[in-house]
Protein backbone atom coordinates (compact mmCIF):
# COMPACT_ATOMS: atom_id res chain seq x y z
CA MET A 1 101.81 129.16 79.32
CA THR A 2 100.22 127.34 76.38
CA ILE A 3 98.54 124.03 77.08
CA ARG A 4 97.98 122.10 73.88
CA THR A 5 94.66 120.47 73.10
CA ASP A 6 95.51 119.85 69.44
CA TRP A 7 97.63 116.72 69.79
CA THR A 8 97.47 114.37 66.83
CA ARG A 9 97.40 110.61 67.10
CA GLU A 10 100.64 110.52 65.15
CA GLU A 11 102.35 112.74 67.71
CA ILE A 12 101.14 110.62 70.62
CA ALA A 13 102.11 107.41 68.82
CA ALA A 14 105.59 108.90 68.36
CA LEU A 15 105.82 109.43 72.12
CA PHE A 16 104.95 105.78 72.75
CA ASP A 17 107.61 104.74 70.21
CA LEU A 18 110.45 106.69 71.85
CA PRO A 19 113.25 104.76 73.52
CA PHE A 20 112.01 104.07 77.03
CA THR A 21 114.66 106.11 78.83
CA GLU A 22 114.11 109.08 76.50
CA LEU A 23 110.35 108.95 77.07
CA LEU A 24 110.85 108.89 80.84
CA PHE A 25 113.27 111.80 80.66
CA ARG A 26 110.79 113.92 78.70
CA ALA A 27 107.89 113.01 80.97
CA ALA A 28 109.91 113.69 84.13
CA SER A 29 111.01 117.05 82.72
CA VAL A 30 107.42 118.08 81.99
CA HIS A 31 106.35 116.89 85.43
CA ARG A 32 109.02 118.94 87.20
CA GLU A 33 107.91 122.09 85.37
CA HIS A 34 104.45 121.91 86.90
CA HIS A 35 104.51 119.69 90.00
CA ARG A 36 106.73 118.85 92.94
CA PRO A 37 108.43 115.58 91.99
CA ASP A 38 108.83 114.37 95.57
CA GLU A 39 105.15 114.60 96.57
CA ILE A 40 102.26 112.25 95.88
CA GLN A 41 98.60 113.01 96.51
CA LEU A 42 96.86 110.45 98.71
CA CYS A 43 93.23 109.66 97.88
CA THR A 44 90.74 107.25 99.44
CA LEU A 45 87.96 105.55 97.46
CA LEU A 46 84.76 104.31 99.06
CA SER A 47 81.90 102.39 97.45
CA ILE A 48 78.79 104.14 98.77
CA LYS A 49 76.44 101.93 96.74
CA THR A 50 77.73 98.55 95.58
CA GLY A 51 76.57 96.15 92.87
CA GLY A 52 73.40 95.81 90.84
CA CYS A 53 74.54 98.10 88.01
CA PRO A 54 72.60 97.50 84.77
CA GLU A 55 75.59 98.39 82.56
CA ASP A 56 77.48 95.52 80.93
CA CYS A 57 81.05 96.85 81.35
CA GLY A 58 83.16 93.76 80.70
CA TYR A 59 85.70 94.58 83.41
CA CYS A 60 83.28 95.33 86.24
CA SER A 61 82.37 92.96 89.06
CA GLN A 62 79.42 95.19 90.02
CA SER A 63 77.51 94.64 86.76
CA VAL A 64 74.33 92.56 86.91
CA HIS A 65 75.72 90.82 83.82
CA ALA A 66 78.72 89.51 85.80
CA ASP A 67 78.79 86.32 87.84
CA SER A 68 81.29 87.71 90.34
CA GLY A 69 79.45 87.14 93.60
CA VAL A 70 79.17 90.86 94.38
CA GLU A 71 75.85 91.52 96.09
CA ALA A 72 73.84 94.66 95.45
CA THR A 73 73.45 97.10 98.33
CA LYS A 74 71.51 100.28 98.92
CA LEU A 75 73.06 103.72 99.18
CA MET A 76 75.04 104.00 102.42
CA ASP A 77 73.70 106.09 105.28
CA VAL A 78 75.08 109.62 105.23
CA ARG A 79 76.58 109.28 108.71
CA ALA A 80 78.41 106.08 107.76
CA VAL A 81 79.96 107.77 104.74
CA LEU A 82 81.08 110.73 106.85
CA GLN A 83 82.64 108.38 109.41
CA SER A 84 84.64 106.73 106.62
CA ALA A 85 85.72 110.13 105.35
CA ALA A 86 86.91 111.19 108.80
CA GLN A 87 88.94 107.99 109.09
CA ALA A 88 90.46 108.58 105.65
CA LYS A 89 91.51 112.07 106.69
CA ASP A 90 93.04 110.73 109.90
CA ASN A 91 95.04 108.30 107.74
CA GLY A 92 96.46 111.16 105.68
CA SER A 93 94.21 111.33 102.62
CA GLN A 94 93.68 114.66 100.92
CA ARG A 95 90.88 113.58 98.58
CA PHE A 96 87.87 111.41 99.38
CA CYS A 97 86.35 109.71 96.35
CA MET A 98 82.95 108.04 96.44
CA GLY A 99 81.51 105.63 93.89
CA ALA A 100 77.97 104.36 93.36
CA ALA A 101 77.16 101.48 90.99
CA TRP A 102 74.44 103.24 89.02
CA ARG A 103 73.86 103.82 85.33
CA ASN A 104 72.81 107.26 86.50
CA PRO A 105 71.55 108.61 89.83
CA LYS A 106 67.82 109.04 90.26
CA ASP A 107 66.52 112.42 91.35
CA ARG A 108 65.38 110.83 94.62
CA ASP A 109 69.02 110.00 95.40
CA MET A 110 70.29 113.54 95.00
CA PRO A 111 69.36 115.02 98.43
CA ALA A 112 71.44 112.37 100.24
CA ILE A 113 74.29 112.77 97.75
CA VAL A 114 74.27 116.54 98.26
CA GLU A 115 74.33 116.07 102.05
CA ILE A 116 77.30 113.71 101.73
CA VAL A 117 79.25 116.16 99.56
CA LYS A 118 78.66 119.02 101.98
CA GLY A 119 79.63 116.90 104.98
CA VAL A 120 82.86 115.57 103.50
CA ARG A 121 83.87 118.96 102.20
CA ALA A 122 83.28 120.51 105.63
CA MET A 123 86.06 118.24 106.92
CA GLY A 124 88.57 119.96 104.66
CA LEU A 125 88.84 117.06 102.23
CA GLU A 126 88.65 117.39 98.47
CA THR A 127 85.54 115.60 97.27
CA CYS A 128 85.08 113.40 94.21
CA MET A 129 82.12 111.30 93.13
CA THR A 130 81.41 108.82 90.37
CA LEU A 131 77.71 108.05 90.01
CA GLY A 132 77.36 107.22 86.33
CA MET A 133 75.87 109.54 83.75
CA LEU A 134 74.68 112.96 84.90
CA SER A 135 72.06 115.30 83.53
CA PRO A 136 72.88 119.03 83.44
CA LYS A 137 70.51 119.59 86.38
CA GLN A 138 72.21 116.91 88.48
CA ALA A 139 75.64 118.31 87.67
CA ASP A 140 74.45 121.75 88.76
CA LEU A 141 73.16 120.35 92.06
CA LEU A 142 76.52 118.74 92.77
CA ALA A 143 78.30 121.98 91.89
CA GLU A 144 76.07 123.95 94.25
CA ALA A 145 76.88 121.43 97.00
CA GLY A 146 80.58 122.15 96.48
CA LEU A 147 81.72 118.95 94.77
CA ASP A 148 85.33 119.41 93.72
CA TYR A 149 85.64 116.61 91.12
CA TYR A 150 83.39 114.31 89.17
CA ASN A 151 84.88 111.07 87.85
CA HIS A 152 83.59 109.58 84.62
CA ASN A 153 86.16 107.49 82.79
CA ILE A 154 86.21 107.08 79.02
CA ASP A 155 87.78 103.64 79.64
CA SER A 156 89.61 103.17 76.33
CA SER A 157 89.91 104.40 72.75
CA PRO A 158 86.73 105.10 70.79
CA GLU A 159 87.56 102.09 68.60
CA TYR A 160 88.03 99.60 71.44
CA TYR A 161 85.31 101.01 73.68
CA GLU A 162 82.40 99.02 72.22
CA ARG A 163 84.31 95.76 72.73
CA ALA A 164 84.22 96.37 76.48
CA ILE A 165 80.80 98.06 76.88
CA THR A 166 77.62 97.97 74.80
CA THR A 167 75.02 99.57 77.10
CA ARG A 168 76.57 103.05 77.02
CA THR A 169 78.41 104.79 74.18
CA MET A 170 81.55 106.88 74.18
CA ALA A 171 79.34 109.80 73.16
CA ASP A 172 77.30 109.27 76.35
CA ARG A 173 80.53 109.45 78.36
CA LEU A 174 81.65 112.64 76.68
CA GLU A 175 78.23 114.23 77.16
CA THR A 176 78.45 113.67 80.92
CA LEU A 177 81.97 115.13 80.96
CA GLN A 178 80.61 118.21 79.19
CA ASN A 179 77.74 118.53 81.67
CA VAL A 180 80.25 118.34 84.52
CA ARG A 181 82.56 120.91 82.90
CA THR A 182 79.67 123.30 82.19
CA SER A 183 78.55 123.12 85.83
CA GLY A 184 81.99 124.25 87.01
CA ILE A 185 83.06 120.96 88.62
CA ASN A 186 86.60 119.72 87.96
CA VAL A 187 86.72 116.75 85.61
CA CYS A 188 88.32 113.43 86.58
CA SER A 189 88.52 111.07 83.62
CA GLY A 190 90.87 108.30 82.63
CA GLY A 191 90.65 104.67 81.66
CA ILE A 192 91.81 101.09 81.89
CA VAL A 193 94.73 99.44 80.15
CA GLY A 194 95.42 95.74 79.93
CA MET A 195 91.95 94.82 78.62
CA GLY A 196 93.42 93.14 75.55
CA GLU A 197 93.67 96.40 73.62
CA THR A 198 96.55 97.31 71.31
CA ARG A 199 99.05 100.12 71.66
CA GLU A 200 97.07 101.95 68.98
CA ASP A 201 94.08 101.83 71.34
CA ARG A 202 96.20 103.24 74.17
CA VAL A 203 97.24 106.05 71.83
CA GLY A 204 93.57 106.67 71.05
CA PHE A 205 92.68 106.69 74.74
CA ILE A 206 95.29 109.36 75.53
CA HIS A 207 94.39 111.30 72.38
CA THR A 208 90.70 111.49 73.35
CA LEU A 209 91.51 113.04 76.73
CA ALA A 210 94.34 115.27 75.53
CA THR A 211 92.17 116.84 72.81
CA LEU A 212 89.19 117.71 74.99
CA PRO A 213 88.57 121.48 75.00
CA GLN A 214 90.06 121.47 78.50
CA HIS A 215 92.13 118.64 79.92
CA PRO A 216 90.71 116.70 82.87
CA GLU A 217 92.14 118.03 86.11
CA SER A 218 92.61 114.42 87.18
CA VAL A 219 93.51 111.43 84.97
CA PRO A 220 93.35 108.00 86.63
CA VAL A 221 95.21 105.24 84.80
CA ASN A 222 94.00 101.78 85.81
CA ALA A 223 95.53 98.40 85.06
CA LEU A 224 92.78 95.84 84.61
CA VAL A 225 92.20 93.67 87.66
CA PRO A 226 90.79 90.49 86.07
CA VAL A 227 87.81 89.35 88.15
CA LYS A 228 86.45 85.87 87.68
CA GLY A 229 82.89 86.01 86.41
CA THR A 230 83.38 89.16 84.35
CA VAL A 231 83.72 89.01 80.57
CA LEU A 232 87.24 90.42 80.47
CA GLY A 233 88.35 88.63 83.62
CA ASP A 234 87.38 85.26 82.17
CA MET A 235 88.83 86.12 78.77
CA LEU A 236 92.22 87.10 80.14
CA ALA A 237 92.32 84.08 82.42
CA ASP A 238 92.54 82.02 79.21
CA THR A 239 95.01 84.40 77.50
CA PRO A 240 97.48 85.56 80.16
CA LEU A 241 99.82 87.07 77.57
CA ALA A 242 97.16 89.72 76.86
CA LYS A 243 97.99 91.39 80.20
CA ILE A 244 99.85 94.65 79.68
CA ASP A 245 103.47 94.56 80.84
CA ASP A 246 104.88 97.07 83.28
CA ILE A 247 106.99 98.93 80.71
CA GLU A 248 103.99 99.52 78.45
CA PHE A 249 101.95 100.68 81.43
CA VAL A 250 104.67 103.19 82.33
CA ARG A 251 104.72 104.40 78.71
CA THR A 252 101.00 105.11 78.99
CA VAL A 253 101.53 107.12 82.19
CA ALA A 254 104.37 109.07 80.55
CA ALA A 255 102.26 109.89 77.49
CA ALA A 256 99.47 111.15 79.75
CA ARG A 257 101.91 113.36 81.65
CA ILE A 258 103.48 114.88 78.52
CA THR A 259 100.19 115.59 76.76
CA MET A 260 98.33 116.78 79.89
CA PRO A 261 101.06 118.51 81.90
CA LEU A 262 98.92 120.14 84.59
CA SER A 263 96.64 117.21 85.29
CA MET A 264 96.97 114.98 88.34
CA VAL A 265 97.87 111.55 86.93
CA ARG A 266 96.74 108.83 89.31
CA LEU A 267 97.86 105.24 89.63
CA SER A 268 94.57 103.55 90.35
CA ALA A 269 93.36 99.94 90.14
CA GLY A 270 95.95 97.24 89.58
CA ARG A 271 98.68 98.88 91.63
CA GLU A 272 98.64 96.11 94.23
CA SER A 273 100.06 93.70 91.63
CA MET A 274 102.87 96.04 90.54
CA SER A 275 106.38 95.73 91.90
CA ASP A 276 107.89 98.61 93.84
CA ALA A 277 110.23 99.18 90.87
CA ALA A 278 107.31 99.48 88.44
CA GLN A 279 105.54 101.99 90.69
CA ALA A 280 108.78 103.97 91.05
CA LEU A 281 109.02 104.19 87.25
CA CYS A 282 105.42 105.43 87.12
CA PHE A 283 106.24 108.19 89.62
CA MET A 284 109.30 109.10 87.56
CA ALA A 285 107.07 109.22 84.47
CA GLY A 286 104.80 111.78 86.12
CA ALA A 287 102.21 109.92 88.18
CA ASN A 288 101.58 112.00 91.28
CA SER A 289 98.45 110.57 92.88
CA ILE A 290 97.45 107.18 94.28
CA PHE A 291 94.57 105.54 96.06
CA THR A 292 95.43 104.46 99.60
CA GLY A 293 93.83 101.76 101.73
CA ASP A 294 93.40 98.05 101.09
CA LYS A 295 90.30 98.21 98.88
CA LEU A 296 89.14 100.07 95.76
CA LEU A 297 85.37 99.70 95.49
CA THR A 298 85.46 95.88 95.25
CA ALA A 299 89.07 95.35 94.06
CA PRO A 300 92.09 94.88 96.36
CA ASN A 301 94.62 97.67 96.88
CA ALA A 302 98.16 97.84 98.23
CA GLY A 303 97.28 99.11 101.73
CA ASP A 304 98.47 102.01 103.87
CA ASP A 305 101.42 100.19 105.46
CA SER A 306 102.73 99.04 102.09
CA ASP A 307 102.42 102.56 100.68
CA ALA A 308 104.21 104.10 103.66
CA ALA A 309 107.06 101.65 103.28
CA LEU A 310 107.31 102.35 99.54
CA PHE A 311 107.31 106.11 100.09
CA ALA A 312 110.07 105.74 102.68
CA ARG A 313 112.19 103.72 100.24
CA LEU A 314 111.67 106.24 97.44
CA GLY A 315 111.97 109.40 99.53
CA LEU A 316 108.45 110.54 98.64
CA ALA A 317 106.01 112.41 100.86
CA PRO A 318 102.23 112.95 100.90
CA MET A 319 101.22 116.06 99.00
CA SER A 320 99.98 119.12 100.82
CA GLY A 321 96.33 120.01 100.30
CA GLU A 322 97.14 123.18 98.36
CA GLU A 323 99.10 121.61 95.50
CA PRO A 324 96.27 119.94 93.53
CA MET A 325 93.96 122.95 93.72
CA GLN A 326 96.78 125.22 92.57
CA ALA A 327 97.32 123.02 89.52
CA GLN A 328 93.59 123.19 88.81
CA ARG A 329 93.61 126.99 88.95
CA GLU A 330 96.55 127.07 86.54
CA LEU A 331 94.80 124.65 84.21
CA THR A 332 91.60 126.68 84.27
CA SER A 333 93.57 129.86 83.60
CA ALA A 334 95.46 128.24 80.73
CA GLY A 335 92.24 126.86 79.26
């Protein structure tokens, strides 16, 4: 099986320009070749250190530059994190994702982080962390602890990136992804749509990921949740038409599925504001992972009961624990 990493922007733009039903058909066909179409991976996201981040990401309520009312906290106690992980497993999650609002972890933080990874993994859950930029040494420590995934989103296209963030470059992001890949940890990297970017920027976002030497094993696609007090939240409050519509969001998911066929494509932030029909179209277009629970770091989420009801209506089931890791092995082999 050949997995392409030589996609051109023109080819990806042509996917976006297809008639909507044709694009969905192609994406669904690719999805069925590599994944079970009736199963969705359930993931839980926990903020293990909230607020106080020195970065100026225009979408983020945890930035010190935002006037969002989010208070800074210290790193959670290891036992408290493990209790949350156990609850997530009891609720059916297969992957436990943990986020800390840091520019980068300090070396003094790493022993506790390593203990958390080992504890969560011992429960039989897949582990994922997002801690900001990582040095090669820190990535190696996480790999030795058994971390399954490291999340570090590229956020948008290289051209639009600096309009959303000025304190960290796209090159910084890609360097961390390379450090993670070199350490042997699976890469989780995606971005945010609906920040006021153009379709050309969405093409560039997909192109950047799809032309990495090896595709991310996990690709979260977020719809911006405008938060009052953040740069983008306040901007879009004054220009509501800038919000991406559901059809364009689905096109982005479909393009990710076609260009990165073995990756897990996750519906992430913004799902709570989507209709059931829009989410169903995303699943048809190849999304096969969601965050469960009623909170994503500091943003609202649909909630377990809502998800269960949606799955029942659509005839979908939670994914078994083996499926994602099998896809990763195939992706590694193909790469």
